[in-house]
Amino acid sequence: MRIAGLASGMDINQIVQDLMRAERIPMDKLFQRREWLSWQRDAYREMNLALRTFRDTHAHMRLQSTFIALQAMSSNASGLKATATASAQAGTYTVEVIQLAKGAEIRSEQRIKDKDGNDVKASTNIFAAMGRDATEGSFTIKVSVNDGTNQRTAEITITAEDTFSTLARKLSRASVTEDGKEVSLGLQASFDDTLGRFFISTRETGEHMQLTIGDGVDGASQTVEFIDKYILGRTDPATYEGTYTAQGQNAIVDFDGIDTIEHTTNNISVRGMNLTLYQTGEYTVTVQSNPDQVFEQIKAFVEAYNELIDKINEKLNEPRYRDYPPLTDEQREALSETEAKRWDERARSGLLRNDPLLRQVLVDLRQAWTNPIEGIPAGQLRHLAEIGITTSSNWRDGGRLVINEAKLREAIAERPDEVMALFTQAPAEEGNRDQMGIGRRIYQVVGDSISRLRDRAGSPGITTGDQSVLGRQLRDIDDQIARWEDRLARIEERYWRQFTAMEKAINDMNQQTMFLLTHFFNM
């Protein structure tokens, strides 16, 4: 703690602060330069992210599958659902669903009744239904699932607290331990109150699936009776077996009278179509072109591009206020919160005004859209204007594209292959951008722009190890600021030494004056 000015009567603290304020001017300029570069780096990264999002969202526009837009329609979608993939072919097909795929299923043959012949409910206590005393203890049944490769068997313990619904829940959750992990048997089970029956099946379908329910203790008559009477719903003890096995089944489909297809699930892929089976029966599937889908893809592509160049133009034309440098901490403290906010808005404006990197991005994008595609035979579509996509004639639009929807729809409907080539053509010469389709060309141009912005300002989210141009400049300024802080500390210490020496000298002089005055008065 320094106490100064006692001898001189001067406010040394304020004097030193004023002197240091002048000394800090070069470091404050470094700080403001650092803030500006940091904001500019963030602005570059924001544009980088916008470019990356645009590229990744519309990367499919360079793929032929985007333009092979077909739709499949079923004569009865509630019985058979059909969707077309890029490899489907237009036409009409007959599909007869002979059999649906099912899991191995065990269901009660009749309503389950208690010992007195009354229908049981899901909430009915099992021991009570059996007429069994709770003191007799629990018993077990076994449930096994064989998927054609592995057989897993779990024991289900039935206690005096269990009801028919809790037993169904235990069956659904049946699992075994393999390599220290719990592995589910893959069952689904329920007890239906309305039907009074158990329904137990494997989740996986196909004839390779096998489900077995058996007694937990070989030959235990009471357990055998429980399985047959209270799960299978059998009433004649002569039919009791104690073990019951069910087999799954495959889906069987006759496709267009050509071949019979068997499949383990009700989802079948054939001739470029995905068929989902719900009911047996005969259906007609029609595959035809879907020009609306191609139109919407192209329209979304153009609209996203317009949004992107609007964002770039906004940054390029944003005004720069050079009289509003970033605030230092001392300057910010002197302003109110509202004033500081307004100052920051002006200070952050124009970070990328007329930036040459962004200017080049716009130039490259415009050329990618408007330059004709080389390598396409004469007489075929090779320019966007031929399908109704042109650059706006209003210069204020900054190069936005406009769509003549009627012309675009006509081109897609009448010349779909040429529209596809216009967007997706691969270059005959590796890397020849002039021979690339629009979709491929835009993808490459945006990718190159992302790389240049990354070299300038780094990637979004990267804070350490940034080797970009701005990253290195910021580290250099940090080093300069650190050196300035050391230098200012030494300068401040020097000022204090000087003022302390002055105070000491004044104090010594005051003491001598007092001595002389005292001597003169005593003469």
Protein backbone atom coordinates (compact mmCIF):
# COMPACT_ATOMS: atom_id res chain seq x y z
CA MET A 1 0.00 0.00 0.00
CA ARG A 2 1.39 3.36 -1.07
CA ILE A 3 0.65 6.58 0.81
CA ALA A 4 1.93 9.53 -1.20
CA GLY A 5 1.66 13.30 -1.24
CA LEU A 6 2.11 13.85 2.51
CA ALA A 7 5.11 16.10 2.02
CA SER A 8 4.23 17.72 -1.31
CA GLY A 9 0.47 17.86 -0.87
CA MET A 10 0.11 16.53 -4.42
CA ASP A 11 -2.27 13.71 -5.48
CA ILE A 12 0.50 11.34 -6.55
CA ASN A 13 -1.90 8.43 -7.20
CA GLN A 14 -3.85 10.47 -9.75
CA ILE A 15 -0.67 11.81 -11.32
CA VAL A 16 0.73 8.28 -11.75
CA GLN A 17 -2.61 7.06 -13.16
CA ASP A 18 -2.64 9.91 -15.68
CA LEU A 19 0.96 9.24 -16.67
CA MET A 20 0.27 5.50 -17.04
CA ARG A 21 -2.82 6.20 -19.10
CA ALA A 22 -0.59 7.93 -21.63
CA GLU A 23 1.98 5.12 -21.42
CA ARG A 24 -0.77 2.51 -22.05
CA ILE A 25 -1.93 4.06 -25.31
CA PRO A 26 0.22 1.74 -27.51
CA MET A 27 -0.97 -1.33 -25.55
CA ASP A 28 -4.61 -0.18 -25.76
CA LYS A 29 -4.22 0.00 -29.53
CA LEU A 30 -2.88 -3.55 -29.49
CA PHE A 31 -5.85 -4.64 -27.40
CA GLN A 32 -8.28 -2.99 -29.80
CA ARG A 33 -6.48 -4.55 -32.75
CA ARG A 34 -6.75 -7.95 -31.08
CA GLU A 35 -10.46 -7.50 -30.41
CA TRP A 36 -11.08 -6.48 -33.99
CA LEU A 37 -9.18 -9.50 -35.37
CA SER A 38 -10.99 -11.80 -32.97
CA TRP A 39 -14.37 -10.48 -34.13
CA GLN A 40 -13.29 -10.75 -37.73
CA ARG A 41 -12.20 -14.35 -37.21
CA ASP A 42 -15.63 -15.14 -35.76
CA ALA A 43 -17.30 -13.49 -38.76
CA TYR A 44 -15.21 -15.55 -41.18
CA ARG A 45 -16.09 -18.71 -39.26
CA GLU A 46 -19.78 -17.79 -39.34
CA MET A 47 -19.59 -17.58 -43.13
CA ASN A 48 -17.60 -20.80 -43.23
CA LEU A 49 -20.34 -22.56 -41.27
CA ALA A 50 -23.03 -21.15 -43.59
CA LEU A 51 -21.14 -22.45 -46.63
CA ARG A 52 -20.59 -25.86 -45.05
CA THR A 53 -24.28 -26.16 -44.11
CA PHE A 54 -25.34 -25.23 -47.65
CA ARG A 55 -22.92 -27.72 -49.20
CA ASP A 56 -23.81 -30.63 -46.93
CA THR A 57 -27.57 -30.01 -47.07
CA HIS A 58 -27.62 -30.02 -50.87
CA ALA A 59 -24.79 -32.46 -51.60
CA HIS A 60 -27.36 -34.81 -53.15
CA MET A 61 -27.83 -32.39 -56.06
CA ARG A 62 -24.68 -33.84 -57.65
CA LEU A 63 -26.10 -37.39 -57.59
CA GLN A 64 -28.16 -38.97 -60.36
CA SER A 65 -30.44 -40.66 -57.82
CA THR A 66 -31.85 -37.23 -56.94
CA PHE A 67 -33.17 -36.80 -60.48
CA ILE A 68 -34.44 -40.32 -61.01
CA ALA A 69 -37.61 -39.41 -59.17
CA LEU A 70 -40.10 -42.25 -59.32
CA GLN A 71 -43.11 -42.95 -57.17
CA ALA A 72 -44.72 -46.33 -56.53
CA MET A 73 -48.43 -46.60 -55.84
CA SER A 74 -50.22 -49.67 -54.51
CA SER A 75 -53.80 -50.53 -55.43
CA ASN A 76 -54.44 -51.00 -51.70
CA ALA A 77 -51.89 -49.32 -49.42
CA SER A 78 -53.50 -50.81 -46.30
CA GLY A 79 -52.61 -54.30 -47.53
CA LEU A 80 -49.32 -53.56 -49.32
CA LYS A 81 -47.24 -50.40 -49.23
CA ALA A 82 -44.77 -49.71 -52.04
CA THR A 83 -42.00 -47.12 -52.39
CA ALA A 84 -39.63 -46.66 -55.31
CA THR A 85 -35.85 -46.26 -55.15
CA ALA A 86 -33.55 -44.75 -57.77
CA SER A 87 -33.11 -48.16 -59.45
CA ALA A 88 -36.85 -48.75 -59.97
CA GLN A 89 -38.26 -48.88 -63.48
CA ALA A 90 -41.52 -47.36 -64.60
CA GLY A 91 -44.27 -49.89 -65.19
CA THR A 92 -47.15 -51.83 -63.66
CA TYR A 93 -46.54 -54.95 -61.57
CA THR A 94 -48.77 -57.59 -60.01
CA VAL A 95 -47.88 -58.70 -56.49
CA GLU A 96 -49.66 -61.58 -54.80
CA VAL A 97 -49.01 -61.87 -51.08
CA ILE A 98 -49.51 -65.57 -50.38
CA GLN A 99 -48.27 -65.59 -46.80
CA LEU A 100 -47.08 -63.01 -44.28
CA ALA A 101 -43.92 -63.45 -42.25
CA LYS A 102 -44.62 -64.18 -38.59
CA GLY A 103 -42.63 -64.78 -35.49
CA ALA A 104 -42.94 -68.03 -33.56
CA GLU A 105 -46.14 -67.57 -31.59
CA ILE A 106 -47.83 -69.40 -28.73
CA ARG A 107 -51.37 -68.39 -27.89
CA SER A 108 -54.00 -69.86 -25.61
CA GLU A 109 -56.31 -72.29 -27.42
CA GLN A 110 -59.30 -71.31 -25.31
CA ARG A 111 -60.21 -68.82 -22.62
CA ILE A 112 -58.25 -69.52 -19.47
CA LYS A 113 -60.41 -70.40 -16.49
CA ASP A 114 -59.68 -70.78 -12.80
CA LYS A 115 -60.21 -73.92 -10.72
CA ASP A 116 -63.91 -73.10 -10.40
CA GLY A 117 -64.41 -72.65 -14.16
CA ASN A 118 -64.57 -68.84 -14.11
CA ASP A 119 -62.79 -66.68 -16.70
CA VAL A 120 -59.58 -65.17 -15.33
CA LYS A 121 -58.51 -61.57 -15.86
CA ALA A 122 -55.10 -60.00 -16.27
CA SER A 123 -55.31 -58.90 -12.63
CA THR A 124 -56.24 -62.38 -11.34
CA ASN A 125 -53.73 -63.85 -8.92
CA ILE A 126 -52.20 -66.99 -10.44
CA PHE A 127 -51.99 -68.96 -7.18
CA ALA A 128 -55.61 -68.12 -6.38
CA ALA A 129 -56.72 -69.25 -9.87
CA MET A 130 -54.88 -72.53 -9.40
CA GLY A 131 -56.23 -73.06 -5.89
CA ARG A 132 -52.70 -73.18 -4.63
CA ASP A 133 -51.65 -72.09 -1.16
CA ALA A 134 -49.15 -69.24 -1.03
CA THR A 135 -47.13 -71.20 1.54
CA GLU A 136 -46.30 -73.84 -1.07
CA GLY A 137 -43.59 -71.55 -2.47
CA SER A 138 -42.72 -70.47 -6.02
CA PHE A 139 -42.26 -72.63 -9.09
CA THR A 140 -40.52 -72.08 -12.43
CA ILE A 141 -41.18 -72.52 -16.11
CA LYS A 142 -38.67 -72.34 -18.93
CA VAL A 143 -38.89 -70.29 -22.10
CA SER A 144 -36.45 -70.79 -25.01
CA VAL A 145 -35.88 -68.92 -28.25
CA ASN A 146 -33.85 -70.39 -31.11
CA ASP A 147 -33.05 -67.95 -33.92
CA GLY A 148 -31.41 -70.57 -36.08
CA THR A 149 -27.96 -69.72 -34.75
CA ASN A 150 -28.28 -69.44 -30.98
CA GLN A 151 -30.69 -70.94 -28.50
CA ARG A 152 -31.29 -69.00 -25.31
CA THR A 153 -33.23 -70.37 -22.38
CA ALA A 154 -34.48 -68.39 -19.41
CA GLU A 155 -36.25 -69.52 -16.25
CA ILE A 156 -39.36 -67.60 -15.21
CA THR A 157 -40.14 -67.79 -11.50
CA ILE A 158 -43.81 -67.56 -10.55
CA THR A 159 -44.48 -66.42 -7.01
CA ALA A 160 -47.58 -66.07 -4.85
CA GLU A 161 -47.75 -62.34 -5.76
CA ASP A 162 -47.88 -62.86 -9.54
CA THR A 163 -50.94 -62.16 -11.65
CA PHE A 164 -51.46 -63.11 -15.29
CA SER A 165 -50.37 -59.62 -16.37
CA THR A 166 -47.15 -59.71 -14.31
CA LEU A 167 -46.34 -63.11 -15.80
CA ALA A 168 -46.77 -61.64 -19.29
CA ARG A 169 -44.41 -58.82 -18.28
CA LYS A 170 -41.81 -61.31 -17.01
CA LEU A 171 -41.99 -63.21 -20.31
CA SER A 172 -41.48 -59.97 -22.28
CA ARG A 173 -38.42 -59.14 -20.19
CA ALA A 174 -36.93 -62.66 -20.21
CA SER A 175 -33.15 -62.55 -20.71
CA VAL A 176 -29.97 -64.54 -20.19
CA THR A 177 -26.46 -63.53 -19.16
CA GLU A 178 -23.81 -63.88 -21.87
CA ASP A 179 -20.24 -62.70 -21.37
CA GLY A 180 -21.34 -60.73 -18.33
CA LYS A 181 -24.11 -58.90 -20.21
CA GLU A 182 -27.88 -59.28 -20.10
CA VAL A 183 -29.19 -60.44 -23.50
CA SER A 184 -32.93 -60.30 -24.17
CA LEU A 185 -34.73 -63.32 -25.59
CA GLY A 186 -36.63 -60.94 -27.83
CA LEU A 187 -40.14 -61.86 -26.76
CA GLN A 188 -43.37 -59.91 -26.67
CA ALA A 189 -46.13 -61.20 -24.41
CA SER A 190 -49.51 -59.99 -23.24
CA PHE A 191 -52.66 -61.26 -21.55
CA ASP A 192 -55.81 -59.95 -23.22
CA ASP A 193 -58.70 -59.36 -20.82
CA THR A 194 -61.31 -59.32 -23.57
CA LEU A 195 -60.24 -62.62 -25.12
CA GLY A 196 -59.01 -64.17 -21.87
CA ARG A 197 -55.90 -65.54 -23.55
CA PHE A 198 -52.10 -65.31 -23.52
CA PHE A 199 -50.31 -64.14 -26.68
CA ILE A 200 -46.56 -64.85 -26.68
CA SER A 201 -44.35 -64.45 -29.75
CA THR A 202 -40.81 -63.66 -30.90
CA ARG A 203 -40.19 -60.13 -32.09
CA GLU A 204 -38.11 -61.40 -35.00
CA THR A 205 -40.05 -63.04 -37.82
CA GLY A 206 -39.21 -65.92 -40.15
CA GLU A 207 -39.36 -69.70 -40.22
CA HIS A 208 -35.93 -69.91 -38.60
CA MET A 209 -37.42 -68.63 -35.34
CA GLN A 210 -38.52 -71.19 -32.75
CA LEU A 211 -40.21 -70.59 -29.39
CA THR A 212 -40.52 -73.23 -26.67
CA ILE A 213 -42.28 -73.09 -23.28
CA GLY A 214 -41.65 -75.98 -20.92
CA ASP A 215 -41.79 -77.04 -17.26
CA GLY A 216 -38.97 -75.86 -15.09
CA VAL A 217 -38.67 -79.13 -13.19
CA ASP A 218 -38.81 -82.21 -15.39
CA GLY A 219 -41.86 -84.29 -14.67
CA ALA A 220 -43.38 -81.90 -12.11
CA SER A 221 -47.08 -82.55 -12.69
CA GLN A 222 -48.23 -79.31 -11.14
CA THR A 223 -45.99 -77.27 -13.47
CA VAL A 224 -47.09 -79.29 -16.48
CA GLU A 225 -50.71 -78.58 -15.55
CA PHE A 226 -49.98 -74.87 -15.16
CA ILE A 227 -48.43 -74.56 -18.63
CA ASP A 228 -51.18 -76.46 -20.41
CA LYS A 229 -54.16 -75.16 -18.46
CA TYR A 230 -53.15 -71.62 -17.50
CA ILE A 231 -51.01 -70.63 -20.49
CA LEU A 232 -52.23 -72.79 -23.37
CA GLY A 233 -55.85 -72.80 -22.21
CA ARG A 234 -56.33 -76.57 -22.50
CA THR A 235 -59.10 -78.19 -20.48
CA ASP A 236 -58.53 -81.91 -21.06
CA PRO A 237 -55.75 -83.30 -18.82
CA ALA A 238 -55.25 -86.08 -21.36
CA THR A 239 -53.77 -83.52 -23.74
CA TYR A 240 -51.31 -82.07 -21.24
CA GLU A 241 -47.73 -82.25 -22.46
CA GLY A 242 -45.94 -79.64 -20.35
CA THR A 243 -43.83 -78.48 -23.29
CA TYR A 244 -44.98 -76.64 -26.37
CA THR A 245 -42.93 -75.43 -29.41
CA ALA A 246 -43.98 -72.96 -32.10
CA GLN A 247 -42.26 -72.18 -35.39
CA GLY A 248 -42.16 -68.86 -37.24
CA GLN A 249 -42.97 -68.52 -40.92
CA ASN A 250 -41.56 -66.65 -43.92
CA ALA A 251 -43.40 -64.23 -46.13
CA ILE A 252 -44.24 -65.72 -49.54
CA VAL A 253 -44.87 -63.40 -52.47
CA ASP A 254 -45.50 -64.09 -56.14
CA PHE A 255 -44.01 -61.14 -58.02
CA ASP A 256 -45.53 -60.34 -61.42
CA GLY A 257 -45.94 -64.03 -62.19
CA ILE A 258 -42.18 -64.29 -62.64
CA ASP A 259 -41.00 -65.86 -59.43
CA THR A 260 -42.08 -66.75 -55.91
CA ILE A 261 -40.10 -64.91 -53.26
CA GLU A 262 -39.64 -66.08 -49.67
CA HIS A 263 -38.40 -63.63 -47.07
CA THR A 264 -37.98 -63.73 -43.31
CA THR A 265 -39.65 -60.32 -42.82
CA ASN A 266 -42.58 -58.46 -44.31
CA ASN A 267 -40.25 -55.89 -45.88
CA ILE A 268 -39.08 -57.03 -49.30
CA SER A 269 -36.93 -55.22 -51.88
CA VAL A 270 -37.45 -56.22 -55.49
CA ARG A 271 -36.94 -54.48 -58.87
CA GLY A 272 -35.94 -51.24 -57.15
CA MET A 273 -39.08 -51.18 -54.98
CA ASN A 274 -39.47 -51.59 -51.24
CA LEU A 275 -42.62 -53.57 -50.44
CA THR A 276 -44.15 -53.65 -46.96
CA LEU A 277 -46.67 -56.44 -46.50
CA TYR A 278 -49.69 -56.05 -44.23
CA GLN A 279 -52.30 -58.47 -45.59
CA THR A 280 -52.46 -61.44 -47.95
CA GLY A 281 -54.10 -60.83 -51.30
CA GLU A 282 -53.37 -59.65 -54.83
CA TYR A 283 -52.23 -56.08 -55.49
CA THR A 284 -51.23 -53.90 -58.41
CA VAL A 285 -48.16 -51.68 -58.02
CA THR A 286 -47.64 -48.82 -60.48
CA VAL A 287 -44.26 -47.10 -60.79
CA GLN A 288 -44.21 -43.79 -62.63
CA SER A 289 -42.20 -40.61 -62.89
CA ASN A 290 -42.61 -38.00 -60.18
CA PRO A 291 -41.52 -34.69 -61.76
CA ASP A 292 -42.85 -32.70 -58.80
CA GLN A 293 -40.18 -34.21 -56.57
CA VAL A 294 -37.37 -33.16 -58.94
CA PHE A 295 -38.89 -29.68 -59.25
CA GLU A 296 -39.03 -29.23 -55.46
CA GLN A 297 -35.41 -30.41 -55.10
CA ILE A 298 -34.16 -27.89 -57.67
CA LYS A 299 -36.32 -25.12 -56.24
CA ALA A 300 -35.03 -25.76 -52.70
CA PHE A 301 -31.45 -25.75 -54.06
CA VAL A 302 -31.93 -22.36 -55.74
CA GLU A 303 -33.69 -20.85 -52.71
CA ALA A 304 -30.92 -22.01 -50.36
CA TYR A 305 -28.33 -20.50 -52.72
CA ASN A 306 -30.21 -17.18 -52.73
CA GLU A 307 -30.26 -17.16 -48.93
CA LEU A 308 -26.53 -17.87 -48.89
CA ILE A 309 -25.57 -15.02 -51.24
CA ASP A 310 -27.91 -12.67 -49.37
CA LYS A 311 -25.93 -13.45 -46.23
CA ILE A 312 -22.60 -12.93 -48.04
CA ASN A 313 -23.74 -9.67 -49.63
CA GLU A 314 -24.95 -8.43 -46.25
CA LYS A 315 -21.46 -8.91 -44.81
CA LEU A 316 -19.78 -7.35 -47.85
CA ASN A 317 -21.98 -4.25 -47.77
CA GLU A 318 -22.21 -3.76 -44.01
CA PRO A 319 -21.02 -0.21 -43.10
CA ARG A 320 -17.71 0.23 -41.29
CA TYR A 321 -17.52 2.81 -38.50
CA ARG A 322 -13.84 3.56 -38.06
CA ASP A 323 -14.53 6.08 -35.31
CA TYR A 324 -15.85 3.26 -33.11
CA PRO A 325 -12.88 1.04 -32.19
CA PRO A 326 -13.38 -1.76 -29.64
CA LEU A 327 -13.74 -0.47 -26.09
CA THR A 328 -11.01 -1.03 -23.54
CA ASP A 329 -12.02 -2.02 -20.03
CA GLU A 330 -11.43 1.52 -18.77
CA GLN A 331 -13.50 3.02 -21.58
CA ARG A 332 -16.34 0.55 -20.99
CA GLU A 333 -16.50 1.45 -17.30
CA ALA A 334 -16.98 5.11 -18.23
CA LEU A 335 -20.11 4.29 -20.30
CA SER A 336 -23.56 3.15 -19.28
CA GLU A 337 -24.69 -0.34 -20.28
CA THR A 338 -26.91 1.05 -23.05
CA GLU A 339 -24.15 3.29 -24.39
CA ALA A 340 -21.66 0.44 -24.36
CA LYS A 341 -24.11 -1.81 -26.25
CA ARG A 342 -24.65 0.80 -28.93
CA TRP A 343 -20.92 1.37 -29.22
CA ASP A 344 -20.29 -2.38 -29.63
CA GLU A 345 -22.89 -2.60 -32.39
CA ARG A 346 -21.08 0.10 -34.34
CA ALA A 347 -17.65 -1.33 -33.52
CA ARG A 348 -18.64 -4.82 -34.79
CA SER A 349 -20.16 -3.48 -38.00
CA GLY A 350 -18.27 -3.91 -41.28
CA LEU A 351 -15.97 -6.71 -40.14
CA LEU A 352 -15.97 -8.21 -43.67
CA ARG A 353 -16.88 -5.14 -45.70
CA ASN A 354 -15.57 -5.55 -49.29
CA ASP A 355 -13.55 -8.55 -48.13
CA PRO A 356 -11.66 -9.99 -51.14
CA LEU A 357 -12.09 -13.59 -49.96
CA LEU A 358 -15.87 -13.28 -49.81
CA ARG A 359 -15.92 -11.36 -53.08
CA GLN A 360 -14.14 -14.29 -54.72
CA VAL A 361 -16.64 -16.74 -53.21
CA LEU A 362 -19.48 -14.83 -54.89
CA VAL A 363 -17.64 -14.66 -58.21
CA ASP A 364 -16.92 -18.39 -58.18
CA LEU A 365 -20.51 -19.27 -57.23
CA ARG A 366 -22.01 -17.07 -59.95
CA GLN A 367 -19.72 -18.57 -62.58
CA ALA A 368 -20.56 -22.08 -61.36
CA TRP A 369 -24.27 -21.42 -61.85
CA THR A 370 -24.17 -19.46 -65.10
CA ASN A 371 -21.33 -20.95 -67.17
CA PRO A 372 -22.52 -23.57 -69.69
CA ILE A 373 -21.61 -27.23 -69.18
CA GLU A 374 -18.97 -28.40 -71.61
CA GLY A 375 -19.05 -31.91 -73.00
CA ILE A 376 -22.83 -32.10 -73.42
CA PRO A 377 -23.81 -32.87 -77.03
CA ALA A 378 -25.14 -30.04 -79.17
CA GLY A 379 -28.88 -29.63 -79.00
CA GLN A 380 -29.13 -30.83 -75.40
CA LEU A 381 -29.56 -28.72 -72.26
CA ARG A 382 -26.24 -27.22 -71.21
CA HIS A 383 -27.22 -23.91 -69.58
CA LEU A 384 -29.50 -23.13 -66.62
CA ALA A 385 -31.35 -20.45 -68.58
CA GLU A 386 -32.63 -23.20 -70.87
CA ILE A 387 -34.65 -24.67 -67.99
CA GLY A 388 -35.92 -21.34 -66.69
CA ILE A 389 -33.29 -20.45 -64.06
CA THR A 390 -31.68 -17.05 -64.64
CA THR A 391 -29.92 -14.30 -62.72
CA SER A 392 -32.17 -11.47 -61.54
CA SER A 393 -32.02 -8.40 -63.78
CA ASN A 394 -32.24 -6.12 -60.73
CA TRP A 395 -28.69 -5.26 -59.64
CA ARG A 396 -29.93 -4.66 -56.10
CA ASP A 397 -30.63 -8.40 -55.81
CA GLY A 398 -26.88 -9.06 -55.75
CA GLY A 399 -26.93 -11.93 -58.23
CA ARG A 400 -29.94 -13.85 -56.89
CA LEU A 401 -31.42 -16.51 -59.13
CA VAL A 402 -35.04 -16.47 -60.30
CA ILE A 403 -37.05 -19.45 -61.51
CA ASN A 404 -39.55 -19.60 -64.33
CA GLU A 405 -41.53 -22.42 -62.75
CA ALA A 406 -43.54 -23.29 -65.87
CA LYS A 407 -40.39 -23.60 -67.99
CA LEU A 408 -38.60 -25.65 -65.32
CA ARG A 409 -41.54 -28.06 -64.95
CA GLU A 410 -41.73 -28.45 -68.73
CA ALA A 411 -38.01 -29.30 -68.96
CA ILE A 412 -38.25 -31.86 -66.14
CA ALA A 413 -41.32 -33.52 -67.68
CA GLU A 414 -40.15 -33.58 -71.30
CA ARG A 415 -36.34 -33.84 -70.99
CA PRO A 416 -35.64 -35.49 -67.60
CA ASP A 417 -32.37 -37.15 -68.68
CA GLU A 418 -30.97 -33.85 -69.94
CA VAL A 419 -31.96 -32.05 -66.73
CA MET A 420 -30.19 -34.79 -64.77
CA ALA A 421 -27.02 -34.41 -66.90
CA LEU A 422 -27.15 -30.63 -66.49
CA PHE A 423 -26.76 -31.05 -62.73
CA THR A 424 -24.82 -34.31 -62.34
CA GLN A 425 -22.49 -34.77 -65.34
CA ALA A 426 -19.05 -36.05 -64.32
CA PRO A 427 -16.06 -34.45 -66.08
CA ALA A 428 -14.31 -36.42 -68.81
CA GLU A 429 -11.05 -34.87 -67.59
CA GLU A 430 -10.35 -35.21 -63.88
CA GLY A 431 -10.84 -31.90 -62.10
CA ASN A 432 -12.14 -30.03 -65.17
CA ARG A 433 -14.76 -27.80 -63.58
CA ASP A 434 -16.15 -26.59 -66.91
CA GLN A 435 -17.27 -30.14 -67.71
CA MET A 436 -18.99 -30.67 -64.36
CA GLY A 437 -22.73 -30.56 -63.90
CA ILE A 438 -24.12 -27.68 -61.83
CA GLY A 439 -24.56 -29.79 -58.68
CA ARG A 440 -21.02 -31.17 -58.86
CA ARG A 441 -19.58 -27.77 -59.73
CA ILE A 442 -21.30 -25.98 -56.84
CA TYR A 443 -20.20 -28.71 -54.41
CA GLN A 444 -16.56 -28.29 -55.45
CA VAL A 445 -16.65 -24.47 -55.52
CA VAL A 446 -18.15 -24.30 -52.03
CA GLY A 447 -15.64 -26.86 -50.77
CA ASP A 448 -12.74 -24.78 -52.13
CA SER A 449 -14.21 -21.65 -50.55
CA ILE A 450 -14.50 -23.41 -47.20
CA SER A 451 -10.82 -24.35 -47.41
CA ARG A 452 -9.73 -20.78 -48.16
CA LEU A 453 -11.78 -19.37 -45.30
CA ARG A 454 -10.41 -22.08 -43.00
CA ASP A 455 -6.84 -21.10 -43.96
CA ARG A 456 -7.68 -17.48 -43.19
CA ALA A 457 -9.60 -17.89 -39.93
CA GLY A 458 -9.61 -21.53 -38.87
CA SER A 459 -12.58 -23.83 -38.42
CA PRO A 460 -15.67 -23.11 -36.30
CA GLY A 461 -15.23 -24.36 -32.74
CA ILE A 462 -11.39 -24.50 -32.90
CA THR A 463 -9.88 -22.41 -30.10
CA THR A 464 -6.50 -24.04 -29.42
CA GLY A 465 -3.81 -24.93 -31.92
CA ASP A 466 -5.33 -22.62 -34.55
CA GLN A 467 -2.75 -22.34 -37.35
CA SER A 468 -4.80 -20.02 -39.56
CA VAL A 469 -3.51 -16.59 -40.64
CA LEU A 470 -5.67 -14.77 -38.11
CA GLY A 471 -4.89 -17.33 -35.43
CA ARG A 472 -1.16 -16.68 -35.79
CA GLN A 473 -1.70 -12.91 -35.82
CA LEU A 474 -3.74 -13.10 -32.62
CA ARG A 475 -1.06 -15.15 -30.88
CA ASP A 476 1.57 -12.61 -31.96
CA ILE A 477 -0.52 -9.74 -30.54
CA ASP A 478 -0.99 -11.70 -27.29
CA ASP A 479 2.79 -11.97 -27.02
CA GLN A 480 3.18 -8.23 -27.65
CA ILE A 481 0.55 -7.41 -25.03
CA ALA A 482 2.29 -9.65 -22.49
CA ARG A 483 5.59 -7.83 -23.13
CA TRP A 484 3.85 -4.47 -22.85
CA GLU A 485 2.31 -5.45 -19.52
CA ASP A 486 5.77 -6.25 -18.15
CA ARG A 487 7.14 -2.98 -19.52
CA LEU A 488 4.28 -0.92 -18.08
CA ALA A 489 4.77 -2.54 -14.68
CA ARG A 490 8.41 -1.43 -14.74
CA ILE A 491 7.49 2.09 -15.90
CA GLU A 492 4.90 2.45 -13.14
CA GLU A 493 7.42 1.28 -10.57
CA ARG A 494 9.93 3.85 -11.87
CA TYR A 495 7.38 6.66 -11.55
CA TRP A 496 6.68 5.66 -7.99
CA ARG A 497 10.38 5.59 -7.17
CA GLN A 498 10.79 9.06 -8.64
CA PHE A 499 7.84 10.54 -6.76
CA THR A 500 8.91 8.80 -3.59
CA ALA A 501 12.38 10.37 -3.96
CA MET A 502 10.73 13.75 -4.55
CA GLU A 503 8.58 13.34 -1.45
CA LYS A 504 11.65 12.41 0.59
CA ALA A 505 13.56 15.43 -0.70
CA ILE A 506 10.66 17.77 0.07
CA ASN A 507 10.33 16.24 3.51
CA ASP A 508 14.07 16.75 4.17
CA MET A 509 13.84 20.34 2.98
CA ASN A 510 10.81 20.98 5.19
CA GLN A 511 12.70 19.64 8.19
CA GLN A 512 15.70 21.92 7.44
CA THR A 513 13.35 24.91 7.08
CA MET A 514 11.75 24.14 10.40
CA PHE A 515 15.18 23.85 12.01
CA LEU A 516 16.30 27.22 10.63
CA LEU A 517 13.06 28.91 11.64
CA THR A 518 13.35 27.53 15.12
CA HIS A 519 16.99 28.70 15.33
CA PHE A 520 16.12 32.23 14.13
CA PHE A 521 13.26 32.57 16.59
CA ASN A 522 15.53 31.56 19.48
CA MET A 523 18.18 34.17 18.69
